[in-house]
Amino acid sequence: MNKDETFRWFSTADLSKYEDKYISIVDKEVICADEDPELAYTTAKKKYPEKEVVLWKVPRGETFIF
């Protein structure tokens, strides 16, 4: 996913159920959500070792800073 695709996906995806958690994303799919960023990342990397993993902290409420 390039930066434009990533931005479009983040701006339209409903991530409200992951508020205040770190999520790992591979190919526009949330693989893991956790309060521990290392766990979220390593879980996705173990499942998809050859893919790029995007780690994102989902803000609480309406806050969205990119």
PDB file of N, CA and C in Angstrom:
ATOM      1  N   MET A   1       0.836  -1.160   0.000  1.00  0.00           N
ATOM      2  CA  MET A   1       0.000   0.000   0.000  1.00  0.00           C
ATOM      3  C   MET A   1       0.893   1.240   0.000  1.00  0.00           C
ATOM      4  N   ASN A   2       0.697   2.125  -0.944  1.00  0.00           N
ATOM      5  CA  ASN A   2       1.478   3.354  -0.921  1.00  0.00           C
ATOM      6  C   ASN A   2       0.815   4.366   0.025  1.00  0.00           C
ATOM      7  N   LYS A   3       1.460   5.505   0.220  1.00  0.00           N
ATOM      8  CA  LYS A   3       0.964   6.481   1.200  1.00  0.00           C
ATOM      9  C   LYS A   3      -0.424   6.997   0.867  1.00  0.00           C
ATOM     10  N   ASP A   4      -0.720   7.233  -0.416  1.00  0.00           N
ATOM     11  CA  ASP A   4      -2.049   7.714  -0.802  1.00  0.00           C
ATOM     12  C   ASP A   4      -3.120   6.673  -0.499  1.00  0.00           C
ATOM     13  N   GLU A   5      -2.848   5.419  -0.825  1.00  0.00           N
ATOM     14  CA  GLU A   5      -3.801   4.347  -0.538  1.00  0.00           C
ATOM     15  C   GLU A   5      -4.007   4.194   0.968  1.00  0.00           C
ATOM     16  N   THR A   6      -2.922   4.284   1.716  1.00  0.00           N
ATOM     17  CA  THR A   6      -2.997   4.176   3.164  1.00  0.00           C
ATOM     18  C   THR A   6      -3.862   5.286   3.731  1.00  0.00           C
ATOM     19  N   PHE A   7      -3.636   6.522   3.292  1.00  0.00           N
ATOM     20  CA  PHE A   7      -4.425   7.646   3.778  1.00  0.00           C
ATOM     21  C   PHE A   7      -5.902   7.464   3.451  1.00  0.00           C
ATOM     22  N   ARG A   8      -6.214   7.072   2.233  1.00  0.00           N
ATOM     23  CA  ARG A   8      -7.613   6.859   1.837  1.00  0.00           C
ATOM     24  C   ARG A   8      -8.262   5.785   2.707  1.00  0.00           C
ATOM     25  N   TRP A   9      -7.527   4.700   2.928  1.00  0.00           N
ATOM     26  CA  TRP A   9      -8.073   3.617   3.732  1.00  0.00           C
ATOM     27  C   TRP A   9      -8.335   4.093   5.161  1.00  0.00           C
ATOM     28  N   PHE A  10      -7.366   4.764   5.774  1.00  0.00           N
ATOM     29  CA  PHE A  10      -7.539   5.249   7.141  1.00  0.00           C
ATOM     30  C   PHE A  10      -8.675   6.252   7.247  1.00  0.00           C
ATOM     31  N   SER A  11      -8.847   7.094   6.247  1.00  0.00           N
ATOM     32  CA  SER A  11      -9.870   8.129   6.328  1.00  0.00           C
ATOM     33  C   SER A  11     -11.278   7.586   6.102  1.00  0.00           C
ATOM     34  N   THR A  12     -11.414   6.373   5.585  1.00  0.00           N
ATOM     35  CA  THR A  12     -12.748   5.810   5.352  1.00  0.00           C
ATOM     36  C   THR A  12     -13.049   4.584   6.209  1.00  0.00           C
ATOM     37  N   ALA A  13     -12.050   3.965   6.780  1.00  0.00           N
ATOM     38  CA  ALA A  13     -12.267   2.746   7.577  1.00  0.00           C
ATOM     39  C   ALA A  13     -12.923   3.084   8.913  1.00  0.00           C
ATOM     40  N   ASP A  14     -13.838   2.249   9.350  1.00  0.00           N
ATOM     41  CA  ASP A  14     -14.452   2.414  10.665  1.00  0.00           C
ATOM     42  C   ASP A  14     -13.596   1.659  11.678  1.00  0.00           C
ATOM     43  N   LEU A  15     -12.780   2.390  12.381  1.00  0.00           N
ATOM     44  CA  LEU A  15     -11.875   1.791  13.360  1.00  0.00           C
ATOM     45  C   LEU A  15     -12.315   2.098  14.791  1.00  0.00           C
ATOM     46  N   SER A  16     -13.558   2.522  14.960  1.00  0.00           N
ATOM     47  CA  SER A  16     -14.043   2.959  16.270  1.00  0.00           C
ATOM     48  C   SER A  16     -13.963   1.866  17.332  1.00  0.00           C
ATOM     49  N   LYS A  17     -14.083   0.623  16.950  1.00  0.00           N
ATOM     50  CA  LYS A  17     -14.017  -0.445  17.959  1.00  0.00           C
ATOM     51  C   LYS A  17     -12.590  -0.662  18.472  1.00  0.00           C
ATOM     52  N   TYR A  18     -11.618  -0.019  17.821  1.00  0.00           N
ATOM     53  CA  TYR A  18     -10.217  -0.134  18.237  1.00  0.00           C
ATOM     54  C   TYR A  18      -9.706   1.121  18.944  1.00  0.00           C
ATOM     55  N   GLU A  19     -10.616   2.014  19.356  1.00  0.00           N
ATOM     56  CA  GLU A  19     -10.210   3.276  19.974  1.00  0.00           C
ATOM     57  C   GLU A  19      -9.196   3.066  21.087  1.00  0.00           C
ATOM     58  N   ASP A  20      -8.163   3.886  21.066  1.00  0.00           N
ATOM     59  CA  ASP A  20      -7.116   3.916  22.084  1.00  0.00           C
ATOM     60  C   ASP A  20      -6.266   2.638  22.107  1.00  0.00           C
ATOM     61  N   LYS A  21      -6.245   1.909  20.991  1.00  0.00           N
ATOM     62  CA  LYS A  21      -5.408   0.713  20.874  1.00  0.00           C
ATOM     63  C   LYS A  21      -4.490   0.856  19.666  1.00  0.00           C
ATOM     64  N   TYR A  22      -3.450   0.063  19.665  1.00  0.00           N
ATOM     65  CA  TYR A  22      -2.567  -0.029  18.508  1.00  0.00           C
ATOM     66  C   TYR A  22      -3.099  -1.135  17.617  1.00  0.00           C
ATOM     67  N   ILE A  23      -3.158  -0.858  16.332  1.00  0.00           N
ATOM     68  CA  ILE A  23      -3.587  -1.885  15.391  1.00  0.00           C
ATOM     69  C   ILE A  23      -2.478  -2.127  14.376  1.00  0.00           C
ATOM     70  N   SER A  24      -2.338  -3.380  14.003  1.00  0.00           N
ATOM     71  CA  SER A  24      -1.416  -3.728  12.923  1.00  0.00           C
ATOM     72  C   SER A  24      -2.268  -4.056  11.708  1.00  0.00           C
ATOM     73  N   ILE A  25      -1.839  -3.532  10.573  1.00  0.00           N
ATOM     74  CA  ILE A  25      -2.605  -3.650   9.335  1.00  0.00           C
ATOM     75  C   ILE A  25      -1.718  -4.224   8.247  1.00  0.00           C
ATOM     76  N   VAL A  26      -2.265  -5.183   7.531  1.00  0.00           N
ATOM     77  CA  VAL A  26      -1.595  -5.760   6.364  1.00  0.00           C
ATOM     78  C   VAL A  26      -2.627  -5.798   5.246  1.00  0.00           C
ATOM     79  N   ASP A  27      -2.300  -5.196   4.129  1.00  0.00           N
ATOM     80  CA  ASP A  27      -3.189  -5.175   2.965  1.00  0.00           C
ATOM     81  C   ASP A  27      -4.611  -4.741   3.318  1.00  0.00           C
ATOM     82  N   LYS A  28      -4.721  -3.630   4.042  1.00  0.00           N
ATOM     83  CA  LYS A  28      -6.006  -3.026   4.398  1.00  0.00           C
ATOM     84  C   LYS A  28      -6.850  -3.916   5.314  1.00  0.00           C
ATOM     85  N   GLU A  29      -6.223  -4.783   6.061  1.00  0.00           N
ATOM     86  CA  GLU A  29      -6.922  -5.650   7.009  1.00  0.00           C
ATOM     87  C   GLU A  29      -6.278  -5.512   8.384  1.00  0.00           C
ATOM     88  N   VAL A  30      -7.102  -5.295   9.398  1.00  0.00           N
ATOM     89  CA  VAL A  30      -6.598  -5.228  10.769  1.00  0.00           C
ATOM     90  C   VAL A  30      -6.277  -6.655  11.206  1.00  0.00           C
ATOM     91  N   ILE A  31      -5.024  -6.885  11.548  1.00  0.00           N
ATOM     92  CA  ILE A  31      -4.570  -8.213  11.941  1.00  0.00           C
ATOM     93  C   ILE A  31      -4.633  -8.385  13.454  1.00  0.00           C
ATOM     94  N   CYS A  32      -4.252  -7.343  14.181  1.00  0.00           N
ATOM     95  CA  CYS A  32      -4.219  -7.421  15.639  1.00  0.00           C
ATOM     96  C   CYS A  32      -4.470  -6.042  16.218  1.00  0.00           C
ATOM     97  N   ALA A  33      -5.178  -5.998  17.349  1.00  0.00           N
ATOM     98  CA  ALA A  33      -5.397  -4.761  18.087  1.00  0.00           C
ATOM     99  C   ALA A  33      -5.046  -5.016  19.542  1.00  0.00           C
ATOM    100  N   ASP A  34      -4.204  -4.149  20.107  1.00  0.00           N
ATOM    101  CA  ASP A  34      -3.777  -4.346  21.482  1.00  0.00           C
ATOM    102  C   ASP A  34      -3.289  -3.026  22.063  1.00  0.00           C
ATOM    103  N   GLU A  35      -3.235  -2.949  23.377  1.00  0.00           N
ATOM    104  CA  GLU A  35      -2.693  -1.759  24.035  1.00  0.00           C
ATOM    105  C   GLU A  35      -1.169  -1.733  23.950  1.00  0.00           C
ATOM    106  N   ASP A  36      -0.571  -2.866  23.650  1.00  0.00           N
ATOM    107  CA  ASP A  36       0.886  -2.994  23.534  1.00  0.00           C
ATOM    108  C   ASP A  36       1.276  -2.946  22.055  1.00  0.00           C
ATOM    109  N   PRO A  37       1.963  -1.882  21.622  1.00  0.00           N
ATOM    110  CA  PRO A  37       2.304  -1.771  20.200  1.00  0.00           C
ATOM    111  C   PRO A  37       3.223  -2.892  19.718  1.00  0.00           C
ATOM    112  N   GLU A  38       4.120  -3.340  20.565  1.00  0.00           N
ATOM    113  CA  GLU A  38       5.036  -4.404  20.163  1.00  0.00           C
ATOM    114  C   GLU A  38       4.275  -5.702  19.882  1.00  0.00           C
ATOM    115  N   LEU A  39       3.309  -6.024  20.712  1.00  0.00           N
ATOM    116  CA  LEU A  39       2.499  -7.230  20.503  1.00  0.00           C
ATOM    117  C   LEU A  39       1.688  -7.131  19.218  1.00  0.00           C
ATOM    118  N   ALA A  40       1.081  -5.968  18.984  1.00  0.00           N
ATOM    119  CA  ALA A  40       0.290  -5.776  17.765  1.00  0.00           C
ATOM    120  C   ALA A  40       1.157  -5.969  16.521  1.00  0.00           C
ATOM    121  N   TYR A  41       2.357  -5.409  16.546  1.00  0.00           N
ATOM    122  CA  TYR A  41       3.256  -5.506  15.395  1.00  0.00           C
ATOM    123  C   TYR A  41       3.785  -6.932  15.204  1.00  0.00           C
ATOM    124  N   THR A  42       4.300  -7.534  16.270  1.00  0.00           N
ATOM    125  CA  THR A  42       4.917  -8.866  16.128  1.00  0.00           C
ATOM    126  C   THR A  42       3.892  -9.935  15.751  1.00  0.00           C
ATOM    127  N   THR A  43       2.666  -9.789  16.219  1.00  0.00           N
ATOM    128  CA  THR A  43       1.614 -10.740  15.837  1.00  0.00           C
ATOM    129  C   THR A  43       1.394 -10.713  14.329  1.00  0.00           C
ATOM    130  N   ALA A  44       1.298  -9.518  13.774  1.00  0.00           N
ATOM    131  CA  ALA A  44       1.088  -9.391  12.327  1.00  0.00           C
ATOM    132  C   ALA A  44       2.307  -9.857  11.554  1.00  0.00           C
ATOM    133  N   LYS A  45       3.495  -9.532  12.037  1.00  0.00           N
ATOM    134  CA  LYS A  45       4.730  -9.900  11.322  1.00  0.00           C
ATOM    135  C   LYS A  45       4.924 -11.413  11.313  1.00  0.00           C
ATOM    136  N   LYS A  46       4.533 -12.083  12.389  1.00  0.00           N
ATOM    137  CA  LYS A  46       4.618 -13.552  12.426  1.00  0.00           C
ATOM    138  C   LYS A  46       3.662 -14.176  11.421  1.00  0.00           C
ATOM    139  N   LYS A  47       2.476 -13.593  11.301  1.00  0.00           N
ATOM    140  CA  LYS A  47       1.469 -14.130  10.379  1.00  0.00           C
ATOM    141  C   LYS A  47       1.816 -13.834   8.916  1.00  0.00           C
ATOM    142  N   TYR A  48       2.392 -12.665   8.683  1.00  0.00           N
ATOM    143  CA  TYR A  48       2.749 -12.223   7.330  1.00  0.00           C
ATOM    144  C   TYR A  48       4.193 -11.725   7.295  1.00  0.00           C
ATOM    145  N   PRO A  49       5.163 -12.605   7.398  1.00  0.00           N
ATOM    146  CA  PRO A  49       6.566 -12.178   7.487  1.00  0.00           C
ATOM    147  C   PRO A  49       7.092 -11.451   6.248  1.00  0.00           C
ATOM    148  N   GLU A  50       6.532 -11.701   5.105  1.00  0.00           N
ATOM    149  CA  GLU A  50       7.018 -11.086   3.864  1.00  0.00           C
ATOM    150  C   GLU A  50       6.279  -9.802   3.498  1.00  0.00           C
ATOM    151  N   LYS A  51       5.258  -9.448   4.261  1.00  0.00           N
ATOM    152  CA  LYS A  51       4.437  -8.274   3.931  1.00  0.00           C
ATOM    153  C   LYS A  51       4.820  -7.079   4.791  1.00  0.00           C
ATOM    154  N   GLU A  52       4.466  -5.891   4.307  1.00  0.00           N
ATOM    155  CA  GLU A  52       4.668  -4.672   5.085  1.00  0.00           C
ATOM    156  C   GLU A  52       3.558  -4.567   6.131  1.00  0.00           C
ATOM    157  N   VAL A  53       3.946  -4.327   7.367  1.00  0.00           N
ATOM    158  CA  VAL A  53       2.990  -4.152   8.457  1.00  0.00           C
ATOM    159  C   VAL A  53       2.932  -2.672   8.817  1.00  0.00           C
ATOM    160  N   VAL A  54       1.726  -2.132   8.835  1.00  0.00           N
ATOM    161  CA  VAL A  54       1.522  -0.753   9.252  1.00  0.00           C
ATOM    162  C   VAL A  54       0.990  -0.794  10.678  1.00  0.00           C
ATOM    163  N   LEU A  55       1.640  -0.040  11.568  1.00  0.00           N
ATOM    164  CA  LEU A  55       1.214   0.035  12.960  1.00  0.00           C
ATOM    165  C   LEU A  55       0.611   1.410  13.185  1.00  0.00           C
ATOM    166  N   TRP A  56      -0.565   1.448  13.793  1.00  0.00           N
ATOM    167  CA  TRP A  56      -1.282   2.704  13.954  1.00  0.00           C
ATOM    168  C   TRP A  56      -1.940   2.739  15.318  1.00  0.00           C
ATOM    169  N   LYS A  57      -1.860   3.869  16.004  1.00  0.00           N
ATOM    170  CA  LYS A  57      -2.580   4.070  17.268  1.00  0.00           C
ATOM    171  C   LYS A  57      -3.894   4.747  16.916  1.00  0.00           C
ATOM    172  N   VAL A  58      -4.989   4.070  17.172  1.00  0.00           N
ATOM    173  CA  VAL A  58      -6.310   4.622  16.860  1.00  0.00           C
ATOM    174  C   VAL A  58      -6.665   5.620  17.953  1.00  0.00           C
ATOM    175  N   PRO A  59      -6.905   6.875  17.570  1.00  0.00           N
ATOM    176  CA  PRO A  59      -7.212   7.894  18.580  1.00  0.00           C
ATOM    177  C   PRO A  59      -8.588   7.685  19.204  1.00  0.00           C
ATOM    178  N   ARG A  60      -8.767   8.278  20.336  1.00  0.00           N
ATOM    179  CA  ARG A  60     -10.062   8.224  21.033  1.00  0.00           C
ATOM    180  C   ARG A  60     -10.955   9.326  20.466  1.00  0.00           C
ATOM    181  N   GLY A  61     -12.180   9.005  20.196  1.00  0.00           N
ATOM    182  CA  GLY A  61     -13.154  10.007  19.731  1.00  0.00           C
ATOM    183  C   GLY A  61     -12.890  10.487  18.319  1.00  0.00           C
ATOM    184  N   GLU A  62     -13.087  11.766  18.109  1.00  0.00           N
ATOM    185  CA  GLU A  62     -13.001  12.363  16.777  1.00  0.00           C
ATOM    186  C   GLU A  62     -11.610  12.826  16.392  1.00  0.00           C
ATOM    187  N   THR A  63     -10.633  12.686  17.281  1.00  0.00           N
ATOM    188  CA  THR A  63      -9.287  13.150  16.987  1.00  0.00           C
ATOM    189  C   THR A  63      -8.670  12.321  15.874  1.00  0.00           C
ATOM    190  N   PHE A  64      -8.184  12.983  14.847  1.00  0.00           N
ATOM    191  CA  PHE A  64      -7.539  12.286  13.738  1.00  0.00           C
ATOM    192  C   PHE A  64      -6.395  13.145  13.227  1.00  0.00           C
ATOM    193  N   ILE A  65      -5.177  12.716  13.504  1.00  0.00           N
ATOM    194  CA  ILE A  65      -4.003  13.449  13.050  1.00  0.00           C
ATOM    195  C   ILE A  65      -3.208  12.525  12.165  1.00  0.00           C
ATOM    196  N   PHE A  66      -2.900  12.971  10.973  1.00  0.00           N
ATOM    197  CA  PHE A  66      -2.154  12.116  10.041  1.00  0.00           C
ATOM    198  C   PHE A  66      -0.860  12.780   9.692  1.00  0.00           C
TER     199      PHE A  66
END
